[in-house]
Amino acid sequence: LLDCFVIPVLMVLSWWILKTRYRVVHYVAVCICLLGVGAMVGADLLAGRDQGSGDGLVLLSASLYAVSNVSQEYTVKNLSRLEFLGMVGLFGTIISTAQMIVLEHYEISTIEWSWQVGLLFAAYALSMYALYSFMPVVMKVSSATSVNLSLLTADLFSLFCGIFLFQYN
């Protein structure tokens, strides 16, 4: 739901703020994304998994993620990529640490630490470092819309891996 809804919001914001121009095929793709949003919410309702405000929160978070990506594209293309990365690193560390202390202090204290757990945390941190280091480079060359379409394509590849490698139904 998040991936399907972020693309139309991102395109509207890019058109409005960055003055990006799109072709008819792009608008058709947005309609397909919106049909996907409706299908996801409808599938939840038909399966009896009424998320209530959960779907609304996902749509709100997708909208805020689109705002973040358009702001990132504007900053990277018009200002400094290094300044952007420095500010994300500084404020991301401060906000994430405060959030972790307030919301997850109990969960962290219950972790049974071992070298395997530490290795998993290090791998996750390295993955996030790579993602947030390379994303501004890709956005400078292309756009926030193409980056999010690439992330949406990764979901499709994970579906294929699940079906063909792990025999998911």
N, C-alpha and C. Protein backbone atom coordinates (compact mmCIF):
# COMPACT_ATOMS: atom_id res chain seq x y z
N LEU A 1 0.84 -1.19 0.00
CA LEU A 1 0.00 0.00 0.00
C LEU A 1 0.88 1.25 0.00
N LEU A 2 1.94 1.21 0.80
CA LEU A 2 2.84 2.35 0.89
C LEU A 2 3.49 2.63 -0.46
N ASP A 3 4.03 1.58 -1.08
CA ASP A 3 4.72 1.75 -2.36
C ASP A 3 3.77 2.19 -3.47
N CYS A 4 2.55 1.66 -3.46
CA CYS A 4 1.59 2.01 -4.51
C CYS A 4 1.14 3.47 -4.40
N PHE A 5 0.99 3.96 -3.20
CA PHE A 5 0.44 5.31 -3.03
C PHE A 5 1.50 6.40 -3.09
N VAL A 6 2.74 6.07 -2.79
CA VAL A 6 3.77 7.11 -2.77
C VAL A 6 4.04 7.65 -4.18
N ILE A 7 3.90 6.82 -5.21
CA ILE A 7 4.21 7.25 -6.58
C ILE A 7 3.28 8.38 -7.04
N PRO A 8 1.94 8.23 -6.95
CA PRO A 8 1.09 9.35 -7.38
C PRO A 8 1.31 10.63 -6.58
N VAL A 9 1.49 10.50 -5.27
CA VAL A 9 1.72 11.70 -4.44
C VAL A 9 3.03 12.35 -4.85
N LEU A 10 4.03 11.53 -5.09
CA LEU A 10 5.34 12.04 -5.49
C LEU A 10 5.27 12.76 -6.83
N MET A 11 4.50 12.20 -7.76
CA MET A 11 4.38 12.85 -9.07
C MET A 11 3.64 14.18 -8.97
N VAL A 12 2.60 14.24 -8.15
CA VAL A 12 1.86 15.50 -7.97
C VAL A 12 2.78 16.55 -7.33
N LEU A 13 3.51 16.15 -6.31
CA LEU A 13 4.42 17.10 -5.66
C LEU A 13 5.55 17.53 -6.58
N SER A 14 6.09 16.61 -7.37
CA SER A 14 7.15 16.96 -8.33
C SER A 14 6.63 17.93 -9.38
N TRP A 15 5.39 17.69 -9.84
CA TRP A 15 4.79 18.59 -10.82
C TRP A 15 4.57 19.97 -10.22
N TRP A 16 4.12 20.00 -8.97
CA TRP A 16 3.77 21.27 -8.33
C TRP A 16 5.01 22.04 -7.86
N ILE A 17 5.93 21.36 -7.19
CA ILE A 17 7.07 22.05 -6.57
C ILE A 17 8.27 22.15 -7.52
N LEU A 18 8.61 21.04 -8.18
CA LEU A 18 9.80 21.01 -9.03
C LEU A 18 9.51 21.35 -10.49
N LYS A 19 8.22 21.56 -10.81
CA LYS A 19 7.80 21.90 -12.18
C LYS A 19 8.17 20.81 -13.19
N THR A 20 8.12 19.55 -12.76
CA THR A 20 8.38 18.42 -13.64
C THR A 20 7.19 18.22 -14.56
N ARG A 21 7.46 17.93 -15.82
CA ARG A 21 6.39 17.70 -16.78
C ARG A 21 6.34 16.20 -17.10
N TYR A 22 5.11 15.68 -17.16
CA TYR A 22 4.91 14.26 -17.43
C TYR A 22 4.10 14.08 -18.71
N ARG A 23 4.22 12.89 -19.31
CA ARG A 23 3.47 12.55 -20.51
C ARG A 23 2.22 11.78 -20.14
N VAL A 24 1.40 11.49 -21.13
CA VAL A 24 0.15 10.77 -20.91
C VAL A 24 0.41 9.39 -20.31
N VAL A 25 1.46 8.73 -20.76
CA VAL A 25 1.77 7.39 -20.25
C VAL A 25 2.06 7.43 -18.75
N HIS A 26 2.62 8.52 -18.27
CA HIS A 26 2.88 8.66 -16.84
C HIS A 26 1.58 8.76 -16.06
N TYR A 27 0.63 9.49 -16.60
CA TYR A 27 -0.66 9.62 -15.92
C TYR A 27 -1.42 8.29 -15.91
N VAL A 28 -1.28 7.52 -16.98
CA VAL A 28 -1.88 6.18 -17.01
C VAL A 28 -1.25 5.32 -15.92
N ALA A 29 0.06 5.42 -15.77
CA ALA A 29 0.75 4.65 -14.72
C ALA A 29 0.27 5.06 -13.33
N VAL A 30 0.01 6.35 -13.12
CA VAL A 30 -0.52 6.82 -11.83
C VAL A 30 -1.89 6.22 -11.58
N CYS A 31 -2.71 6.15 -12.61
CA CYS A 31 -4.04 5.53 -12.45
C CYS A 31 -3.90 4.06 -12.08
N ILE A 32 -2.93 3.37 -12.67
CA ILE A 32 -2.70 1.97 -12.32
C ILE A 32 -2.25 1.85 -10.86
N CYS A 33 -1.40 2.76 -10.41
CA CYS A 33 -0.98 2.76 -9.00
C CYS A 33 -2.17 2.98 -8.08
N LEU A 34 -3.04 3.91 -8.45
CA LEU A 34 -4.21 4.17 -7.61
C LEU A 34 -5.17 2.98 -7.62
N LEU A 35 -5.27 2.28 -8.75
CA LEU A 35 -6.05 1.05 -8.78
C LEU A 35 -5.42 0.00 -7.86
N GLY A 36 -4.10 -0.03 -7.81
CA GLY A 36 -3.41 -0.94 -6.90
C GLY A 36 -3.70 -0.60 -5.45
N VAL A 37 -3.76 0.68 -5.13
CA VAL A 37 -4.12 1.10 -3.76
C VAL A 37 -5.52 0.61 -3.43
N GLY A 38 -6.46 0.82 -4.34
CA GLY A 38 -7.83 0.36 -4.11
C GLY A 38 -7.90 -1.15 -3.97
N ALA A 39 -7.12 -1.86 -4.79
CA ALA A 39 -7.12 -3.32 -4.72
C ALA A 39 -6.55 -3.81 -3.38
N MET A 40 -5.52 -3.15 -2.88
CA MET A 40 -4.92 -3.56 -1.60
C MET A 40 -5.91 -3.35 -0.46
N VAL A 41 -6.54 -2.18 -0.43
CA VAL A 41 -7.52 -1.90 0.63
C VAL A 41 -8.72 -2.83 0.49
N GLY A 42 -9.18 -3.05 -0.76
CA GLY A 42 -10.30 -3.95 -0.99
C GLY A 42 -9.98 -5.38 -0.61
N ALA A 43 -8.76 -5.84 -0.88
CA ALA A 43 -8.36 -7.20 -0.50
C ALA A 43 -8.36 -7.36 1.01
N ASP A 44 -7.92 -6.33 1.72
CA ASP A 44 -7.97 -6.38 3.19
C ASP A 44 -9.40 -6.48 3.69
N LEU A 45 -10.28 -5.71 3.08
CA LEU A 45 -11.69 -5.74 3.50
C LEU A 45 -12.34 -7.07 3.18
N LEU A 46 -12.08 -7.62 1.99
CA LEU A 46 -12.68 -8.90 1.61
C LEU A 46 -12.14 -10.06 2.44
N ALA A 47 -10.88 -9.96 2.86
CA ALA A 47 -10.28 -11.03 3.66
C ALA A 47 -10.64 -10.89 5.14
N GLY A 48 -11.38 -9.84 5.48
CA GLY A 48 -11.75 -9.65 6.88
C GLY A 48 -10.65 -9.04 7.72
N ARG A 49 -9.64 -8.47 7.06
CA ARG A 49 -8.55 -7.83 7.78
C ARG A 49 -8.73 -6.33 7.75
N ASP A 50 -9.86 -5.87 8.23
CA ASP A 50 -10.15 -4.44 8.23
C ASP A 50 -9.13 -3.75 9.13
N GLN A 51 -8.26 -2.98 8.50
CA GLN A 51 -7.18 -2.32 9.22
C GLN A 51 -7.65 -1.06 9.94
N GLY A 52 -8.85 -0.61 9.62
CA GLY A 52 -9.37 0.60 10.25
C GLY A 52 -8.47 1.78 9.95
N SER A 53 -7.92 2.36 10.99
CA SER A 53 -7.06 3.52 10.81
C SER A 53 -5.66 3.13 10.34
N GLY A 54 -5.35 1.83 10.33
CA GLY A 54 -4.02 1.39 9.88
C GLY A 54 -3.76 1.76 8.45
N ASP A 55 -4.74 1.54 7.56
CA ASP A 55 -4.56 1.92 6.17
C ASP A 55 -4.44 3.44 6.03
N GLY A 56 -5.20 4.17 6.82
CA GLY A 56 -5.10 5.63 6.79
C GLY A 56 -3.73 6.11 7.22
N LEU A 57 -3.16 5.47 8.23
CA LEU A 57 -1.82 5.84 8.68
C LEU A 57 -0.77 5.52 7.62
N VAL A 58 -0.95 4.41 6.90
CA VAL A 58 -0.02 4.07 5.83
C VAL A 58 -0.11 5.10 4.71
N LEU A 59 -1.33 5.53 4.37
CA LEU A 59 -1.48 6.54 3.32
C LEU A 59 -0.87 7.87 3.76
N LEU A 60 -1.03 8.23 5.02
CA LEU A 60 -0.42 9.45 5.54
C LEU A 60 1.10 9.34 5.51
N SER A 61 1.63 8.20 5.92
CA SER A 61 3.09 8.03 5.93
C SER A 61 3.64 8.03 4.50
N ALA A 62 2.90 7.46 3.54
CA ALA A 62 3.33 7.49 2.15
C ALA A 62 3.37 8.93 1.64
N SER A 63 2.40 9.73 2.03
CA SER A 63 2.39 11.14 1.63
C SER A 63 3.59 11.88 2.22
N LEU A 64 3.88 11.64 3.48
CA LEU A 64 5.03 12.30 4.11
C LEU A 64 6.36 11.82 3.52
N TYR A 65 6.41 10.53 3.14
CA TYR A 65 7.61 10.00 2.48
C TYR A 65 7.81 10.67 1.12
N ALA A 66 6.72 10.93 0.41
CA ALA A 66 6.81 11.63 -0.87
C ALA A 66 7.31 13.05 -0.67
N VAL A 67 6.82 13.73 0.37
CA VAL A 67 7.30 15.08 0.68
C VAL A 67 8.80 15.04 0.96
N SER A 68 9.23 14.04 1.72
CA SER A 68 10.65 13.89 2.03
C SER A 68 11.48 13.68 0.76
N ASN A 69 10.99 12.85 -0.14
CA ASN A 69 11.75 12.57 -1.36
C ASN A 69 11.80 13.76 -2.30
N VAL A 70 10.72 14.50 -2.41
CA VAL A 70 10.74 15.70 -3.26
C VAL A 70 11.68 16.74 -2.66
N SER A 71 11.66 16.88 -1.34
CA SER A 71 12.58 17.81 -0.68
C SER A 71 14.02 17.38 -0.90
N GLN A 72 14.25 16.07 -0.82
CA GLN A 72 15.61 15.55 -1.06
C GLN A 72 16.04 15.82 -2.49
N GLU A 73 15.15 15.59 -3.46
CA GLU A 73 15.51 15.86 -4.86
C GLU A 73 15.82 17.34 -5.07
N TYR A 74 15.01 18.21 -4.50
CA TYR A 74 15.26 19.65 -4.63
C TYR A 74 16.61 20.03 -4.03
N THR A 75 16.89 19.51 -2.84
CA THR A 75 18.15 19.84 -2.16
C THR A 75 19.35 19.33 -2.94
N VAL A 76 19.27 18.09 -3.41
CA VAL A 76 20.40 17.49 -4.11
C VAL A 76 20.65 18.17 -5.46
N LYS A 77 19.59 18.55 -6.15
CA LYS A 77 19.77 19.15 -7.47
C LYS A 77 20.09 20.63 -7.41
N ASN A 78 19.65 21.34 -6.38
CA ASN A 78 19.84 22.80 -6.33
C ASN A 78 20.85 23.25 -5.29
N LEU A 79 21.14 22.41 -4.32
CA LEU A 79 22.10 22.78 -3.27
C LEU A 79 23.21 21.74 -3.26
N SER A 80 23.72 21.41 -2.10
CA SER A 80 24.87 20.51 -2.01
C SER A 80 24.45 19.12 -1.54
N ARG A 81 24.94 18.10 -2.26
CA ARG A 81 24.69 16.72 -1.85
C ARG A 81 25.38 16.42 -0.53
N LEU A 82 26.58 16.94 -0.34
CA LEU A 82 27.32 16.69 0.90
C LEU A 82 26.64 17.34 2.10
N GLU A 83 26.10 18.53 1.90
CA GLU A 83 25.38 19.18 2.98
C GLU A 83 24.13 18.38 3.34
N PHE A 84 23.44 17.88 2.31
CA PHE A 84 22.26 17.06 2.55
C PHE A 84 22.63 15.82 3.37
N LEU A 85 23.67 15.11 2.95
CA LEU A 85 24.08 13.90 3.68
C LEU A 85 24.51 14.23 5.11
N GLY A 86 25.19 15.35 5.29
CA GLY A 86 25.60 15.76 6.64
C GLY A 86 24.41 16.05 7.54
N MET A 87 23.42 16.75 7.00
CA MET A 87 22.23 17.07 7.80
C MET A 87 21.40 15.82 8.10
N VAL A 88 21.27 14.92 7.12
CA VAL A 88 20.54 13.68 7.36
C VAL A 88 21.26 12.86 8.44
N GLY A 89 22.58 12.80 8.34
CA GLY A 89 23.35 12.06 9.34
C GLY A 89 23.23 12.67 10.72
N LEU A 90 23.35 13.98 10.82
CA LEU A 90 23.28 14.65 12.12
C LEU A 90 21.90 14.53 12.74
N PHE A 91 20.89 15.02 12.03
CA PHE A 91 19.55 15.03 12.61
C PHE A 91 18.94 13.63 12.68
N GLY A 92 19.30 12.76 11.71
CA GLY A 92 18.84 11.38 11.78
C GLY A 92 19.35 10.67 13.01
N THR A 93 20.59 10.91 13.37
CA THR A 93 21.16 10.30 14.57
C THR A 93 20.48 10.82 15.83
N ILE A 94 20.30 12.12 15.90
CA ILE A 94 19.67 12.72 17.09
C ILE A 94 18.23 12.24 17.24
N ILE A 95 17.44 12.31 16.16
CA ILE A 95 16.03 11.93 16.24
C ILE A 95 15.88 10.44 16.48
N SER A 96 16.66 9.62 15.80
CA SER A 96 16.56 8.16 15.98
C SER A 96 16.98 7.74 17.38
N THR A 97 18.01 8.36 17.92
CA THR A 97 18.44 8.03 19.28
C THR A 97 17.38 8.41 20.30
N ALA A 98 16.81 9.60 20.16
CA ALA A 98 15.74 10.01 21.08
C ALA A 98 14.53 9.09 20.96
N GLN A 99 14.16 8.73 19.75
CA GLN A 99 13.03 7.83 19.53
C GLN A 99 13.32 6.46 20.13
N MET A 100 14.53 5.97 19.96
CA MET A 100 14.90 4.67 20.50
C MET A 100 14.87 4.68 22.03
N ILE A 101 15.36 5.73 22.63
CA ILE A 101 15.38 5.81 24.10
C ILE A 101 13.97 5.89 24.66
N VAL A 102 13.12 6.68 24.03
CA VAL A 102 11.76 6.88 24.54
C VAL A 102 10.86 5.68 24.26
N LEU A 103 10.91 5.16 23.05
CA LEU A 103 9.93 4.16 22.63
C LEU A 103 10.41 2.71 22.74
N GLU A 104 11.71 2.47 22.67
CA GLU A 104 12.17 1.10 22.56
C GLU A 104 13.22 0.71 23.60
N HIS A 105 13.29 1.43 24.69
CA HIS A 105 14.32 1.11 25.68
C HIS A 105 14.11 -0.28 26.29
N TYR A 106 12.87 -0.68 26.48
CA TYR A 106 12.61 -2.00 27.07
C TYR A 106 12.99 -3.11 26.10
N GLU A 107 12.60 -2.97 24.83
CA GLU A 107 12.92 -3.99 23.83
C GLU A 107 14.42 -4.16 23.67
N ILE A 108 15.16 -3.07 23.71
CA ILE A 108 16.61 -3.16 23.56
C ILE A 108 17.24 -3.85 24.77
N SER A 109 16.69 -3.59 25.95
CA SER A 109 17.26 -4.23 27.15
C SER A 109 16.99 -5.73 27.19
N THR A 110 16.00 -6.21 26.44
CA THR A 110 15.70 -7.65 26.44
C THR A 110 16.43 -8.42 25.36
N ILE A 111 17.22 -7.75 24.53
CA ILE A 111 17.96 -8.45 23.48
C ILE A 111 19.05 -9.30 24.12
N GLU A 112 19.11 -10.56 23.70
CA GLU A 112 20.19 -11.44 24.14
C GLU A 112 21.33 -11.29 23.13
N TRP A 113 22.33 -10.50 23.50
CA TRP A 113 23.39 -10.15 22.57
C TRP A 113 24.33 -11.33 22.34
N SER A 114 24.70 -11.53 21.11
CA SER A 114 25.72 -12.49 20.71
C SER A 114 26.41 -11.91 19.48
N TRP A 115 27.44 -12.56 19.02
CA TRP A 115 28.13 -12.03 17.86
C TRP A 115 27.25 -12.10 16.62
N GLN A 116 26.32 -13.08 16.56
CA GLN A 116 25.42 -13.17 15.41
C GLN A 116 24.45 -11.98 15.39
N VAL A 117 23.91 -11.64 16.55
CA VAL A 117 23.00 -10.50 16.63
C VAL A 117 23.74 -9.21 16.29
N GLY A 118 24.94 -9.06 16.81
CA GLY A 118 25.75 -7.89 16.49
C GLY A 118 26.07 -7.80 15.00
N LEU A 119 26.33 -8.95 14.39
CA LEU A 119 26.62 -8.99 12.96
C LEU A 119 25.38 -8.59 12.14
N LEU A 120 24.20 -9.05 12.58
CA LEU A 120 22.97 -8.66 11.89
C LEU A 120 22.70 -7.15 12.01
N PHE A 121 22.92 -6.60 13.21
CA PHE A 121 22.76 -5.16 13.39
C PHE A 121 23.76 -4.39 12.53
N ALA A 122 25.00 -4.87 12.46
CA ALA A 122 26.02 -4.21 11.65
C ALA A 122 25.66 -4.28 10.17
N ALA A 123 25.15 -5.44 9.71
CA ALA A 123 24.75 -5.58 8.31
C ALA A 123 23.60 -4.64 7.98
N TYR A 124 22.65 -4.52 8.90
CA TYR A 124 21.53 -3.60 8.68
C TYR A 124 22.02 -2.15 8.61
N ALA A 125 22.89 -1.78 9.54
CA ALA A 125 23.43 -0.42 9.55
C ALA A 125 24.21 -0.13 8.27
N LEU A 126 24.99 -1.08 7.81
CA LEU A 126 25.75 -0.91 6.57
C LEU A 126 24.82 -0.78 5.37
N SER A 127 23.75 -1.55 5.35
CA SER A 127 22.76 -1.46 4.26
C SER A 127 22.10 -0.09 4.24
N MET A 128 21.71 0.41 5.41
CA MET A 128 21.07 1.73 5.47
C MET A 128 22.06 2.83 5.09
N TYR A 129 23.31 2.67 5.51
CA TYR A 129 24.35 3.64 5.14
C TYR A 129 24.50 3.68 3.62
N ALA A 130 24.55 2.51 2.99
CA ALA A 130 24.69 2.46 1.53
C ALA A 130 23.47 3.06 0.84
N LEU A 131 22.28 2.72 1.32
CA LEU A 131 21.06 3.24 0.72
C LEU A 131 21.03 4.76 0.77
N TYR A 132 21.25 5.33 1.95
CA TYR A 132 21.16 6.78 2.09
C TYR A 132 22.36 7.52 1.52
N SER A 133 23.47 6.82 1.27
CA SER A 133 24.61 7.46 0.61
C SER A 133 24.44 7.50 -0.90
N PHE A 134 23.87 6.43 -1.46
CA PHE A 134 23.73 6.36 -2.91
C PHE A 134 22.44 6.98 -3.43
N MET A 135 21.42 7.08 -2.60
CA MET A 135 20.15 7.62 -3.08
C MET A 135 20.28 9.07 -3.57
N PRO A 136 21.00 9.96 -2.91
CA PRO A 136 21.15 11.32 -3.46
C PRO A 136 21.88 11.35 -4.80
N VAL A 137 22.82 10.44 -4.99
CA VAL A 137 23.53 10.38 -6.27
C VAL A 137 22.56 9.98 -7.38
N VAL A 138 21.74 8.96 -7.11
CA VAL A 138 20.77 8.51 -8.11
C VAL A 138 19.72 9.58 -8.36
N MET A 139 19.29 10.28 -7.30
CA MET A 139 18.29 11.34 -7.48
C MET A 139 18.84 12.51 -8.28
N LYS A 140 20.11 12.80 -8.12
CA LYS A 140 20.70 13.90 -8.89
C LYS A 140 20.73 13.55 -10.37
N VAL A 141 21.00 12.30 -10.68
CA VAL A 141 21.07 11.87 -12.07
C VAL A 141 19.68 11.68 -12.67
N SER A 142 18.74 11.16 -11.87
CA SER A 142 17.40 10.89 -12.39
C SER A 142 16.37 11.75 -11.66
N SER A 143 15.51 11.14 -10.85
CA SER A 143 14.50 11.89 -10.10
C SER A 143 14.00 11.05 -8.95
N ALA A 144 13.25 11.69 -8.06
CA ALA A 144 12.67 10.98 -6.93
C ALA A 144 11.65 9.95 -7.41
N THR A 145 10.96 10.26 -8.47
CA THR A 145 9.97 9.33 -9.01
C THR A 145 10.64 8.06 -9.50
N SER A 146 11.73 8.18 -10.23
CA SER A 146 12.41 6.99 -10.74
C SER A 146 13.02 6.17 -9.61
N VAL A 147 13.50 6.82 -8.56
CA VAL A 147 14.05 6.09 -7.42
C VAL A 147 12.94 5.27 -6.75
N ASN A 148 11.78 5.86 -6.56
CA ASN A 148 10.68 5.13 -5.92
C ASN A 148 10.13 4.04 -6.82
N LEU A 149 10.13 4.24 -8.13
CA LEU A 149 9.73 3.16 -9.03
C LEU A 149 10.73 2.01 -8.96
N SER A 150 12.01 2.32 -8.79
CA SER A 150 13.01 1.27 -8.62
C SER A 150 12.78 0.49 -7.33
N LEU A 151 12.43 1.20 -6.25
CA LEU A 151 12.14 0.51 -4.99
C LEU A 151 10.88 -0.34 -5.12
N LEU A 152 9.91 0.12 -5.89
CA LEU A 152 8.70 -0.66 -6.13
C LEU A 152 9.03 -1.92 -6.93
N THR A 153 9.98 -1.82 -7.86
CA THR A 153 10.40 -2.97 -8.63
C THR A 153 11.09 -4.00 -7.74
N ALA A 154 11.78 -3.55 -6.71
CA ALA A 154 12.42 -4.48 -5.79
C ALA A 154 11.39 -5.36 -5.08
N ASP A 155 10.21 -4.81 -4.80
CA ASP A 155 9.13 -5.62 -4.22
C ASP A 155 8.72 -6.74 -5.17
N LEU A 156 8.68 -6.43 -6.46
CA LEU A 156 8.33 -7.44 -7.44
C LEU A 156 9.38 -8.55 -7.48
N PHE A 157 10.65 -8.18 -7.42
CA PHE A 157 11.70 -9.19 -7.42
C PHE A 157 11.65 -10.05 -6.15
N SER A 158 11.31 -9.45 -5.02
CA SER A 158 11.20 -10.25 -3.80
C SER A 158 10.01 -11.21 -3.89
N LEU A 159 8.94 -10.79 -4.56
CA LEU A 159 7.82 -11.69 -4.79
C LEU A 159 8.25 -12.87 -5.67
N PHE A 160 8.98 -12.60 -6.75
CA PHE A 160 9.46 -13.68 -7.60
C PHE A 160 10.38 -14.63 -6.85
N CYS A 161 11.26 -14.08 -6.03
CA CYS A 161 12.15 -14.94 -5.23
C CYS A 161 11.35 -15.82 -4.29
N GLY A 162 10.33 -15.24 -3.66
CA GLY A 162 9.49 -16.02 -2.75
C GLY A 162 8.76 -17.14 -3.46
N ILE A 163 8.25 -16.86 -4.65
CA ILE A 163 7.49 -17.88 -5.40
C ILE A 163 8.42 -18.95 -5.96
N PHE A 164 9.50 -18.55 -6.62
CA PHE A 164 10.31 -19.51 -7.35
C PHE A 164 11.42 -20.14 -6.49
N LEU A 165 11.96 -19.42 -5.54
CA LEU A 165 13.03 -19.98 -4.70
C LEU A 165 12.50 -20.68 -3.46
N PHE A 166 11.49 -20.08 -2.84
CA PHE A 166 11.01 -20.61 -1.56
C PHE A 166 9.65 -21.28 -1.67
N GLN A 167 9.13 -21.40 -2.89
CA GLN A 167 7.85 -22.07 -3.16
C GLN A 167 6.69 -21.53 -2.32
N TYR A 168 6.62 -20.20 -2.17
CA TYR A 168 5.48 -19.60 -1.51
C TYR A 168 4.25 -19.69 -2.40
N ASN A 169 3.10 -19.82 -1.78
CA ASN A 169 1.85 -19.85 -2.56
C ASN A 169 1.23 -18.48 -2.57
